[in-house]
Protein backbone atom coordinates (compact mmCIF):
# COMPACT_ATOMS: atom_id res chain seq x y z
CA MET A 1 -11.87 9.82 -23.59
CA HIS A 2 -12.38 13.38 -24.71
CA GLY A 3 -9.95 16.06 -23.71
CA THR A 4 -7.88 16.19 -20.57
CA GLY A 5 -10.56 17.14 -18.09
CA GLY A 6 -12.23 15.05 -15.41
CA GLY A 7 -12.88 11.35 -15.56
CA VAL A 8 -15.41 8.86 -16.75
CA ASN A 9 -18.78 9.38 -15.11
CA LEU A 10 -19.41 6.11 -13.35
CA LEU A 11 -22.79 7.46 -12.28
CA ALA A 12 -23.90 6.74 -15.86
CA LEU A 13 -22.72 3.16 -15.37
CA ARG A 14 -24.97 2.65 -12.37
CA SER A 15 -27.62 1.76 -14.87
CA HIS A 16 -28.13 -1.97 -14.77
CA ASN A 17 -28.26 -2.08 -18.55
CA ALA A 18 -25.00 -0.22 -19.05
CA ALA A 19 -23.28 -2.45 -16.49
CA LEU A 20 -24.53 -5.54 -18.32
CA VAL A 21 -23.07 -4.28 -21.59
CA LEU A 22 -19.77 -3.31 -20.03
CA ASP A 23 -19.43 -6.71 -18.36
CA LEU A 24 -20.14 -8.52 -21.63
CA LEU A 25 -17.45 -6.42 -23.32
CA ARG A 26 -15.08 -7.47 -20.55
CA THR A 27 -15.83 -11.18 -20.82
CA ALA A 28 -15.62 -11.10 -24.63
CA GLY A 29 -11.92 -10.35 -24.40
CA ALA A 30 -9.80 -9.02 -27.25
CA ASP A 31 -12.01 -10.68 -29.89
CA GLY A 32 -14.85 -8.37 -28.94
CA ILE A 33 -18.59 -8.67 -29.41
CA SER A 34 -21.08 -7.14 -31.84
CA ARG A 35 -23.96 -4.87 -30.92
CA LEU A 36 -26.39 -7.51 -32.15
CA GLU A 37 -24.87 -10.08 -29.81
CA LEU A 38 -25.02 -7.57 -26.95
CA ALA A 39 -28.71 -7.05 -27.63
CA GLU A 40 -29.39 -10.80 -27.76
CA ARG A 41 -27.54 -11.53 -24.51
CA THR A 42 -28.93 -8.62 -22.53
CA GLY A 43 -32.46 -8.64 -23.90
CA LEU A 44 -32.13 -4.94 -24.71
CA THR A 45 -33.31 -3.39 -27.94
CA PRO A 46 -30.67 -2.70 -30.61
CA GLN A 47 -31.39 1.01 -30.21
CA ALA A 48 -30.69 0.88 -26.47
CA VAL A 49 -27.46 -1.03 -27.04
CA SER A 50 -26.35 1.51 -29.65
CA LYS A 51 -26.90 4.39 -27.21
CA ILE A 52 -25.04 2.62 -24.40
CA THR A 53 -22.08 1.61 -26.57
CA ALA A 54 -21.88 5.12 -28.03
CA ARG A 55 -21.55 6.50 -24.50
CA LEU A 56 -18.92 3.91 -23.62
CA ARG A 57 -16.92 4.70 -26.76
CA GLU A 58 -17.18 8.42 -26.09
CA ASP A 59 -15.82 7.86 -22.59
CA GLY A 60 -12.97 5.70 -23.88
CA LEU A 61 -14.16 2.51 -22.24
CA ALA A 62 -14.96 0.72 -25.50
CA ALA A 63 -13.38 0.67 -28.94
CA GLU A 64 -13.82 -1.06 -32.28
CA ALA A 65 -12.12 -4.46 -32.53
CA GLY A 66 -12.72 -4.96 -36.26
CA ARG A 67 -15.55 -6.38 -38.32
CA ARG A 68 -17.17 -9.78 -38.40
CA ALA A 69 -19.02 -11.41 -41.29
CA SER A 70 -22.80 -11.62 -40.86
CA THR A 71 -25.39 -13.99 -42.31
CA GLY A 72 -26.79 -11.18 -44.38
CA GLY A 73 -26.08 -7.55 -45.09
CA LYS A 74 -22.89 -5.68 -44.27
CA PRO A 75 -20.27 -7.02 -41.81
CA ARG A 76 -20.94 -6.28 -38.16
CA THR A 77 -18.69 -3.95 -36.20
CA VAL A 78 -17.21 -5.69 -33.19
CA LEU A 79 -16.54 -3.78 -29.97
CA ARG A 80 -14.12 -4.52 -27.15
CA LEU A 81 -13.37 -3.19 -23.69
CA VAL A 82 -10.38 -0.85 -23.41
CA PRO A 83 -8.61 -2.40 -20.41
CA GLU A 84 -6.22 0.49 -19.85
CA ALA A 85 -9.10 2.98 -19.55
CA GLY A 86 -9.16 2.38 -15.81
CA HIS A 87 -7.17 0.75 -13.05
CA ALA A 88 -7.72 -0.44 -9.50
CA VAL A 89 -5.29 -1.12 -6.67
CA GLY A 90 -5.50 -4.16 -4.44
CA VAL A 91 -3.66 -4.24 -1.11
CA HIS A 92 -3.10 -7.35 0.99
CA LEU A 93 -2.17 -6.03 4.42
CA ASP A 94 -0.85 -9.04 6.31
CA ARG A 95 0.60 -9.26 9.80
CA ASP A 96 4.19 -9.13 8.53
CA GLU A 97 4.10 -7.81 4.96
CA VAL A 98 2.15 -5.73 2.48
CA ARG A 99 1.51 -6.80 -1.11
CA VAL A 100 0.14 -4.29 -3.62
CA VAL A 101 -1.12 -5.00 -7.14
CA LEU A 102 -2.36 -2.65 -9.85
CA VAL A 103 -4.87 -4.19 -12.24
CA ASP A 104 -6.57 -2.93 -15.38
CA LEU A 105 -10.28 -3.15 -16.11
CA ARG A 106 -9.97 -6.81 -17.09
CA GLY A 107 -8.37 -7.58 -13.74
CA THR A 108 -4.96 -8.26 -15.31
CA VAL A 109 -2.08 -7.44 -12.98
CA VAL A 110 0.04 -4.70 -14.56
CA GLY A 111 2.09 -3.74 -11.50
CA GLU A 112 3.04 -5.40 -8.21
CA ARG A 113 5.09 -4.66 -5.13
CA ARG A 114 5.82 -6.47 -1.85
CA ALA A 115 7.45 -5.12 1.28
CA PRO A 116 7.95 -6.27 4.87
CA LEU A 117 5.61 -4.71 7.41
CA ASP A 118 4.84 -5.08 11.10
CA LEU A 119 1.11 -4.75 11.73
CA GLY A 120 1.91 -4.12 15.38
CA ALA A 121 4.18 -1.14 14.65
CA GLY A 122 1.36 1.35 15.14
CA ALA A 123 -1.10 3.10 12.85
CA SER A 124 1.25 5.83 11.66
CA ALA A 125 4.00 3.44 10.58
CA VAL A 126 1.57 1.03 8.92
CA LEU A 127 -0.30 3.78 7.04
CA THR A 128 2.99 5.26 5.84
CA ALA A 129 4.16 1.87 4.56
CA VAL A 130 0.88 1.13 2.80
CA THR A 131 0.52 4.53 1.15
CA GLY A 132 4.15 4.43 0.05
CA ALA A 133 3.74 1.00 -1.51
CA VAL A 134 0.53 2.05 -3.28
CA ARG A 135 2.04 5.23 -4.67
CA GLU A 136 5.16 3.47 -5.90
CA THR A 137 3.17 0.70 -7.55
CA VAL A 138 0.85 3.11 -9.34
CA ALA A 139 3.65 5.49 -10.34
CA GLY A 140 5.59 2.59 -11.85
CA VAL A 141 2.78 1.99 -14.37
CA LEU A 142 1.10 5.42 -14.55
CA PRO A 143 4.05 7.83 -14.24
CA ALA A 144 1.82 10.82 -15.03
CA GLY A 145 -1.01 9.44 -12.92
CA PRO A 146 -2.81 10.56 -9.77
CA PHE A 147 0.26 10.39 -7.52
CA ALA A 148 2.57 12.40 -9.79
CA GLY A 149 3.81 15.88 -9.02
CA PRO A 150 4.34 17.88 -5.81
CA GLY A 151 1.33 18.81 -3.73
CA VAL A 152 -1.03 16.33 -5.37
CA GLY A 153 -1.18 14.13 -2.32
CA GLU A 154 -2.13 16.98 -0.01
CA ALA A 155 -5.03 18.17 -2.14
CA ARG A 156 -6.32 14.67 -2.81
CA SER A 157 -6.01 13.73 0.83
CA ALA A 158 -8.22 16.62 1.83
CA GLY A 159 -10.68 15.79 -0.93
CA ALA A 160 -11.04 12.21 0.25
CA GLY A 161 -11.61 13.38 3.80
CA ALA A 162 -14.46 15.61 2.72
CA ALA A 163 -16.23 12.96 0.75
CA GLN A 164 -15.62 10.22 3.27
CA ALA A 165 -17.18 12.37 5.97
CA SER A 166 -20.35 12.55 3.92
CA GLY A 167 -20.62 8.86 3.18
CA SER A 168 -18.44 8.30 0.10
CA MET A 169 -15.54 9.77 -1.84
CA PRO A 170 -16.42 11.45 -5.15
CA LEU A 171 -13.14 12.79 -6.54
CA ALA A 172 -12.26 14.98 -9.45
CA GLY A 173 -9.62 14.07 -11.97
CA PRO A 174 -6.49 15.97 -12.97
CA GLY A 175 -7.34 19.32 -14.44
CA SER A 176 -10.43 19.74 -12.31
CA PRO A 177 -11.13 23.29 -11.13
CA LEU A 178 -11.18 21.90 -7.60
CA GLY A 179 -8.18 23.23 -5.69
CA ALA A 180 -6.80 22.45 -2.25
CA GLY A 181 -8.57 25.43 -0.73
CA GLY A 182 -11.98 24.33 -1.99
CA VAL A 183 -11.37 20.84 -0.72
CA ARG A 184 -10.44 22.08 2.74
CA GLU A 185 -13.58 24.24 2.84
CA ALA A 186 -15.73 21.24 2.05
CA VAL A 187 -13.85 19.13 4.59
CA GLY A 188 -14.66 21.57 7.33
CA GLU A 189 -18.29 21.86 6.31
CA ALA A 190 -18.83 18.13 5.98
CA ARG A 191 -17.22 17.39 9.33
CA SER A 192 -19.10 20.15 11.13
CA SER A 193 -22.46 19.15 9.71
CA GLY A 194 -23.35 17.48 12.98
CA SER A 195 -26.71 15.75 12.81
CA ARG A 196 -27.34 16.62 9.16
CA SER A 197 -27.72 13.67 6.87
CA ALA A 198 -25.02 12.57 4.43
CA ARG A 199 -27.26 13.74 1.58
CA ASP A 200 -27.60 17.24 3.07
CA ALA A 201 -23.88 17.49 3.75
CA ALA A 202 -23.10 16.42 0.20
CA ALA A 203 -25.60 18.91 -1.18
CA HIS A 204 -23.87 21.79 0.60
CA ALA A 205 -20.45 20.50 -0.38
CA SER A 206 -21.45 20.28 -4.04
CA GLY A 207 -21.98 24.02 -4.08
CA SER A 208 -18.29 24.70 -3.43
CA MET A 209 -16.74 21.52 -4.86
CA PRO A 210 -16.82 21.19 -8.68
CA LEU A 211 -16.32 17.43 -8.69
CA THR A 212 -16.52 16.80 -12.42
CA ARG A 213 -15.29 18.29 -15.66
CA PRO A 214 -17.31 21.13 -17.22
CA GLY A 215 -20.28 19.75 -19.09
CA SER A 216 -20.28 16.44 -17.28
CA PRO A 217 -23.73 14.90 -16.81
CA LEU A 218 -22.91 14.44 -13.13
CA GLY A 219 -24.38 17.55 -11.56
CA ALA A 220 -25.23 18.52 -8.00
CA GLU A 221 -27.85 15.78 -7.69
CA GLY A 222 -25.32 13.25 -8.93
CA VAL A 223 -22.85 14.43 -6.34
CA ARG A 224 -25.45 13.96 -3.62
CA ASP A 225 -26.19 10.45 -4.91
CA ALA A 226 -22.49 9.64 -4.94
CA ALA A 227 -22.24 10.65 -1.30
CA VAL A 228 -25.08 8.35 -0.37
CA HIS A 229 -24.55 5.36 -2.68
CA GLY A 230 -20.79 4.92 -2.44
CA LEU A 231 -18.09 3.58 -4.71
CA ASP A 232 -20.29 2.45 -7.60
CA SER A 233 -21.22 6.07 -8.30
CA VAL A 234 -17.79 7.66 -7.93
CA PRO A 235 -16.23 9.17 -11.06
CA LEU A 236 -13.02 7.64 -12.33
CA ALA A 237 -10.21 9.77 -10.95
CA GLY A 238 -8.62 10.73 -14.23
CA PRO A 239 -9.05 11.20 -17.97
CA GLY A 240 -8.84 7.57 -19.03
CA PRO A 241 -6.01 5.79 -20.80
CA GLY A 242 -2.82 7.01 -19.22
CA PRO A 243 -2.65 9.68 -16.51
CA GLY A 244 -4.89 9.38 -13.51
CA SER A 245 -7.07 6.45 -14.55
CA LEU A 246 -7.37 5.10 -11.01
CA ILE A 247 -10.81 4.08 -9.78
CA GLY A 248 -9.90 3.31 -6.20
CA VAL A 249 -8.05 1.10 -3.73
CA GLY A 250 -9.26 -2.11 -2.11
CA VAL A 251 -7.57 -3.13 1.13
CA ALA A 252 -7.81 -6.64 2.57
CA LEU A 253 -6.46 -7.66 5.98
CA PRO A 254 -7.14 -10.08 8.82
CA GLY A 255 -10.41 -9.60 10.69
CA PRO A 256 -12.60 -9.11 12.44
CA LEU A 257 -13.65 -5.76 11.00
CA ASP A 258 -16.68 -3.77 9.88
CA HIS A 259 -16.67 -3.90 6.09
CA ALA A 260 -19.57 -1.46 5.70
CA ARG A 261 -17.87 1.31 7.69
CA GLY A 262 -14.25 0.40 6.97
CA VAL A 263 -13.50 0.22 10.70
CA LEU A 264 -11.32 -2.45 12.29
CA HIS A 265 -12.34 -4.46 15.33
CA ARG A 266 -9.97 -6.46 17.53
CA VAL A 267 -7.75 -7.82 14.74
CA THR A 268 -6.62 -11.21 16.02
CA GLY A 269 -3.28 -10.75 17.76
CA PHE A 270 -3.41 -6.95 17.40
CA PRO A 271 -6.20 -5.65 19.68
CA GLU A 272 -4.74 -2.12 19.56
CA TRP A 273 -6.40 -1.67 16.16
CA ASP A 274 -9.89 -1.97 17.69
CA GLY A 275 -12.08 0.88 16.43
CA PHE A 276 -9.52 2.28 13.98
CA PRO A 277 -11.18 3.89 10.87
CA LEU A 278 -8.80 2.40 8.30
CA ARG A 279 -10.88 3.31 5.24
CA GLU A 280 -11.10 6.96 6.17
CA ALA A 281 -7.44 7.17 7.19
CA LEU A 282 -6.17 5.69 3.92
CA ALA A 283 -8.61 7.70 1.79
CA GLU A 284 -7.34 10.90 3.39
CA ARG A 285 -3.74 9.95 2.62
CA LEU A 286 -4.29 8.61 -0.89
CA GLY A 287 -7.08 10.87 -2.11
CA VAL A 288 -8.97 8.09 -3.89
CA PRO A 289 -11.93 5.91 -2.85
CA VAL A 290 -10.98 3.07 -0.51
CA VAL A 291 -12.82 -0.16 0.32
CA VAL A 292 -11.82 -2.37 3.26
CA ASP A 293 -12.67 -6.03 3.85
CA LYS A 294 -11.25 -9.19 5.35
CA ASP A 295 -8.49 -10.92 3.42
CA THR A 296 -10.51 -14.10 3.03
CA ASN A 297 -13.55 -12.26 1.69
CA ALA A 298 -11.42 -10.44 -0.84
CA ALA A 299 -9.86 -13.70 -2.02
CA ALA A 300 -13.27 -15.35 -2.31
CA LEU A 301 -14.61 -12.39 -4.29
CA GLY A 302 -11.63 -12.53 -6.64
CA LEU A 303 -12.03 -16.25 -7.18
CA ALA A 304 -15.73 -15.84 -7.96
CA ALA A 305 -14.99 -13.01 -10.38
CA GLY A 306 -12.36 -15.21 -11.99
CA GLY A 307 -14.88 -17.92 -12.79
CA GLU A 308 -15.14 -20.09 -9.68
CA GLY A 309 -18.81 -21.00 -9.62
CA GLY A 310 -21.33 -22.36 -7.16
CA SER A 311 -21.00 -22.19 -3.40
CA PHE A 312 -17.53 -22.62 -1.96
CA ALA A 313 -15.31 -21.92 1.02
CA TYR A 314 -11.86 -20.44 0.61
CA LEU A 315 -9.70 -21.42 3.60
CA HIS A 316 -6.65 -19.19 4.01
CA LEU A 317 -3.84 -20.53 6.21
CA GLY A 318 -0.97 -18.11 6.46
CA THR A 319 0.02 -16.14 9.54
CA GLY A 320 -3.54 -16.87 10.71
CA LEU A 321 -6.54 -18.87 9.54
CA GLY A 322 -9.83 -17.64 8.13
CA ALA A 323 -12.50 -18.44 5.57
CA GLY A 324 -14.14 -16.59 2.73
CA LEU A 325 -17.61 -17.91 1.93
CA VAL A 326 -19.39 -17.65 -1.41
CA ILE A 327 -22.99 -18.82 -1.16
CA GLY A 328 -25.11 -18.88 -4.29
CA GLY A 329 -22.54 -16.84 -6.19
CA SER A 330 -22.24 -14.01 -3.65
CA VAL A 331 -19.76 -13.37 -0.86
CA HIS A 332 -21.47 -14.04 2.46
CA ARG A 333 -20.42 -11.46 5.03
CA GLY A 334 -23.28 -11.81 7.50
CA ALA A 335 -25.52 -9.23 9.13
CA ARG A 336 -22.59 -7.46 10.80
CA THR A 337 -20.03 -8.31 8.07
CA GLY A 338 -18.32 -10.63 10.54
CA ALA A 339 -18.87 -14.02 8.87
CA GLY A 340 -15.88 -16.22 8.10
CA GLU A 341 -14.03 -16.23 11.43
CA PHE A 342 -13.41 -19.88 10.68
CA GLY A 343 -10.12 -20.13 12.54
CA HIS A 344 -11.72 -19.40 15.90
CA GLN A 345 -14.18 -22.26 16.10
CA VAL A 346 -13.22 -24.30 19.17
CA ILE A 347 -12.65 -27.97 18.41
CA GLN A 348 -10.69 -28.90 21.54
CA LEU A 349 -12.06 -27.76 24.88
CA ASP A 350 -9.25 -26.61 27.19
CA GLY A 351 -6.84 -26.84 24.26
CA PRO A 352 -3.84 -24.55 23.70
CA PRO A 353 -4.45 -20.81 24.07
CA CYS A 354 -5.22 -18.83 20.94
CA THR A 355 -4.30 -15.22 20.19
CA CYS A 356 -8.04 -14.44 20.12
CA GLY A 357 -8.21 -15.15 23.87
CA ASP A 358 -10.01 -18.50 23.63
CA ARG A 359 -8.54 -22.01 23.80
CA GLY A 360 -8.50 -24.92 21.40
CA CYS A 361 -9.28 -22.91 18.25
CA VAL A 362 -8.64 -24.47 14.85
CA GLU A 363 -6.13 -21.69 14.14
CA ALA A 364 -4.14 -22.32 17.31
CA LEU A 365 -4.03 -26.07 16.75
CA CYS A 366 -3.08 -25.68 13.08
CA LEU A 367 -0.32 -23.18 13.71
CA ASP A 368 1.04 -25.20 16.65
CA ALA A 369 1.32 -28.24 14.36
CA VAL A 370 2.99 -26.14 11.66
CA ALA A 371 5.50 -24.79 14.18
CA ARG A 372 6.38 -28.38 15.15
CA GLY A 373 6.87 -29.26 11.50
CA ASP A 374 3.92 -31.67 11.58
CA THR A 375 2.19 -30.77 8.31
CA ALA A 376 0.05 -33.91 8.35
CA GLU A 377 -1.44 -32.97 11.73
CA ALA A 378 -2.01 -29.38 10.60
CA ALA A 379 -3.88 -30.67 7.54
CA ARG A 380 -5.92 -33.06 9.68
CA VAL A 381 -6.97 -30.24 12.02
CA LEU A 382 -7.79 -28.01 9.08
CA GLY A 383 -9.88 -30.86 7.66
CA ALA A 384 -11.83 -31.17 10.90
CA GLY A 385 -12.76 -27.51 10.71
CA ALA A 386 -13.60 -27.83 7.01
CA ALA A 387 -15.88 -30.81 7.75
CA ASN A 388 -17.82 -28.67 10.23
CA LEU A 389 -18.20 -26.02 7.55
CA VAL A 390 -19.33 -28.50 4.89
CA GLY A 391 -21.89 -30.00 7.26
CA LEU A 392 -23.20 -26.56 8.19
CA LEU A 393 -23.36 -24.93 4.74
CA ASP A 394 -23.46 -27.84 2.25
CA ILE A 395 -20.95 -26.14 -0.06
CA ASP A 396 -19.75 -27.48 -3.41
CA VAL A 397 -15.97 -27.26 -3.00
CA VAL A 398 -13.27 -26.34 -0.48
CA LEU A 399 -10.41 -24.19 -1.78
CA LEU A 400 -7.13 -23.84 0.09
CA GLY A 401 -4.69 -20.94 -0.01
CA GLY A 402 -2.22 -18.91 1.99
CA ARG A 403 1.54 -19.03 2.37
CA THR A 404 1.49 -21.98 4.79
CA VAL A 405 -0.55 -24.08 2.38
CA ALA A 406 1.84 -23.02 -0.40
CA THR A 407 4.75 -24.72 1.40
CA ALA A 408 3.13 -28.16 1.03
CA PRO A 409 -0.02 -27.89 -1.15
CA GLU A 410 -0.31 -31.60 -1.94
CA ALA A 411 -0.04 -32.57 1.72
CA PHE A 412 -2.77 -30.11 2.74
CA VAL A 413 -5.12 -31.13 -0.07
CA ARG A 414 -4.58 -34.80 0.79
CA GLY A 415 -5.01 -34.30 4.53
CA VAL A 416 -8.13 -32.14 4.31
CA GLY A 417 -9.58 -34.41 1.63
CA THR A 418 -9.10 -37.50 3.78
CA VAL A 419 -11.08 -35.96 6.63
CA LEU A 420 -13.88 -34.84 4.29
CA GLU A 421 -14.06 -38.29 2.69
CA ALA A 422 -14.42 -39.89 6.13
CA TRP A 423 -17.18 -37.39 6.97
CA ALA A 424 -18.95 -38.24 3.71
CA ARG A 425 -18.86 -41.96 4.45
CA ARG A 426 -20.38 -41.41 7.88
CA THR A 427 -23.18 -39.25 6.50
CA GLY A 428 -23.83 -41.18 3.31
CA GLN A 429 -23.13 -38.16 1.13
CA GLU A 430 -20.69 -37.51 -1.68
CA ALA A 431 -17.33 -36.17 -0.60
CA VAL A 432 -16.81 -32.47 -1.24
CA PRO A 433 -13.73 -31.93 -3.43
CA VAL A 434 -10.69 -30.08 -2.12
CA ARG A 435 -8.13 -28.22 -4.21
CA VAL A 436 -5.67 -25.38 -4.07
CA ALA A 437 -7.18 -22.05 -5.09
CA ALA A 438 -6.00 -20.44 -8.31
CA GLY A 439 -3.99 -17.23 -8.10
CA GLY A 440 -1.12 -18.30 -5.88
CA GLY A 441 0.23 -15.81 -3.36
CA GLY A 442 -1.50 -12.88 -5.02
CA VAL A 443 -5.06 -14.17 -4.63
CA VAL A 444 -5.91 -11.81 -1.75
CA ALA A 445 -4.43 -8.67 -3.31
CA VAL A 446 -6.07 -9.35 -6.68
CA GLY A 447 -9.36 -10.00 -4.89
CA ALA A 448 -8.98 -6.69 -3.08
CA ALA A 449 -8.75 -4.95 -6.46
CA GLN A 450 -11.92 -6.75 -7.51
CA MET A 451 -13.72 -5.08 -4.60
CA VAL A 452 -13.19 -1.86 -6.55
CA LEU A 453 -13.84 -3.23 -10.04
CA GLY A 454 -16.97 -5.21 -9.18
CA PRO A 455 -19.41 -2.28 -8.99
CA VAL A 456 -18.19 -0.97 -12.35
CA PHE A 457 -19.41 -4.15 -14.03
CA GLY A 458 -22.59 -4.53 -12.01
CA ARG A 459 -21.16 -7.24 -9.77
CA GLY A 460 -20.95 -7.29 -6.01
CA GLY A 461 -17.74 -5.73 -4.75
CA GLY A 462 -16.84 -3.30 -2.10
């Protein structure tokens, strides 16, 4: 990228065409892809592709990967994505630990950290643990990045608060003329705007908040759009390769929660979190855009982005039990973003009490069997719940994950598969395959990072 000013203008990437090109550069890998191939695969004219790739190269997101022989004329220049031009953080906030990963634009993990955590310790303790783990993970890979230097956190925290109050979090990169005082002024204005719309609040804020480098194509109107449209229009918080190239943070944790607003509901077993604005609280502390979703949704999104096709259910059995659903290639969250509370379907009336307050839930029965050391029974119960899901949604495959499954993956695959095969025989249908999800213990955290990366490449994300 040019200079040391603000970051890549992701508003320019909101264009469907530019996102298509960027995603093809990503999937082409290190070998790259020619402009002619980009035009053929996108249906764009060669002139349009040349303009888009010139912008991407100027911003440091694409680079030459060599030349390739052509059928006629001079060799074709091949372009590739520059993975280190941007990074995203994924956080898996579990009931007893936090796992943080830092990924580059290809989704490759370049930094990781795990630490014990008690989700019931209270908001202050949990937020401190999460922000500390995020900062340490990022600083370990980007030592001159967005969390380096004294006072950076305070200014960025205020900046995130201002933008979050107006609907999203457009942030300036290092070297921006935006200082802590200007941020605080905008915070106060945005929060006191009362009944004014997010667009109006952002418009006023843009007058006192220079959110981009001088000469950036993102002007006041772009700032207003960023406030309304969210993460996919937020500038990269930094100058590209090296310092500050952090797009945002995705946080995944047990539900239920409101993904759209980033607000927690009565997290199973931890009702004290009901109504807590986690997205806003973390954005204020970290100073970068934050997306919040259920752990199972994040995992499902990451698996789909990693190449898992069709319609599938990801069943996560760890400290709890939930499902991430991908229907027709997209994560299904439901009208109120509450879909996937798989563990709390009742399959035994008057069964053992569950932490959700009901009785006989799949989660309670599974975890009771695990506590007794009866893995076969836990797998059988999980299979009964999976059979209900298969019958309801007619999915292509069931994927299993979570730390409990990881202790005996073959036993769980065999047990769930046996139940689904019996269901198939009764219904006269083919048995739905069952297998362990790719990604191991990091599948949720990596998926959380994909919530941030997805919009950059024109895919569904946060």
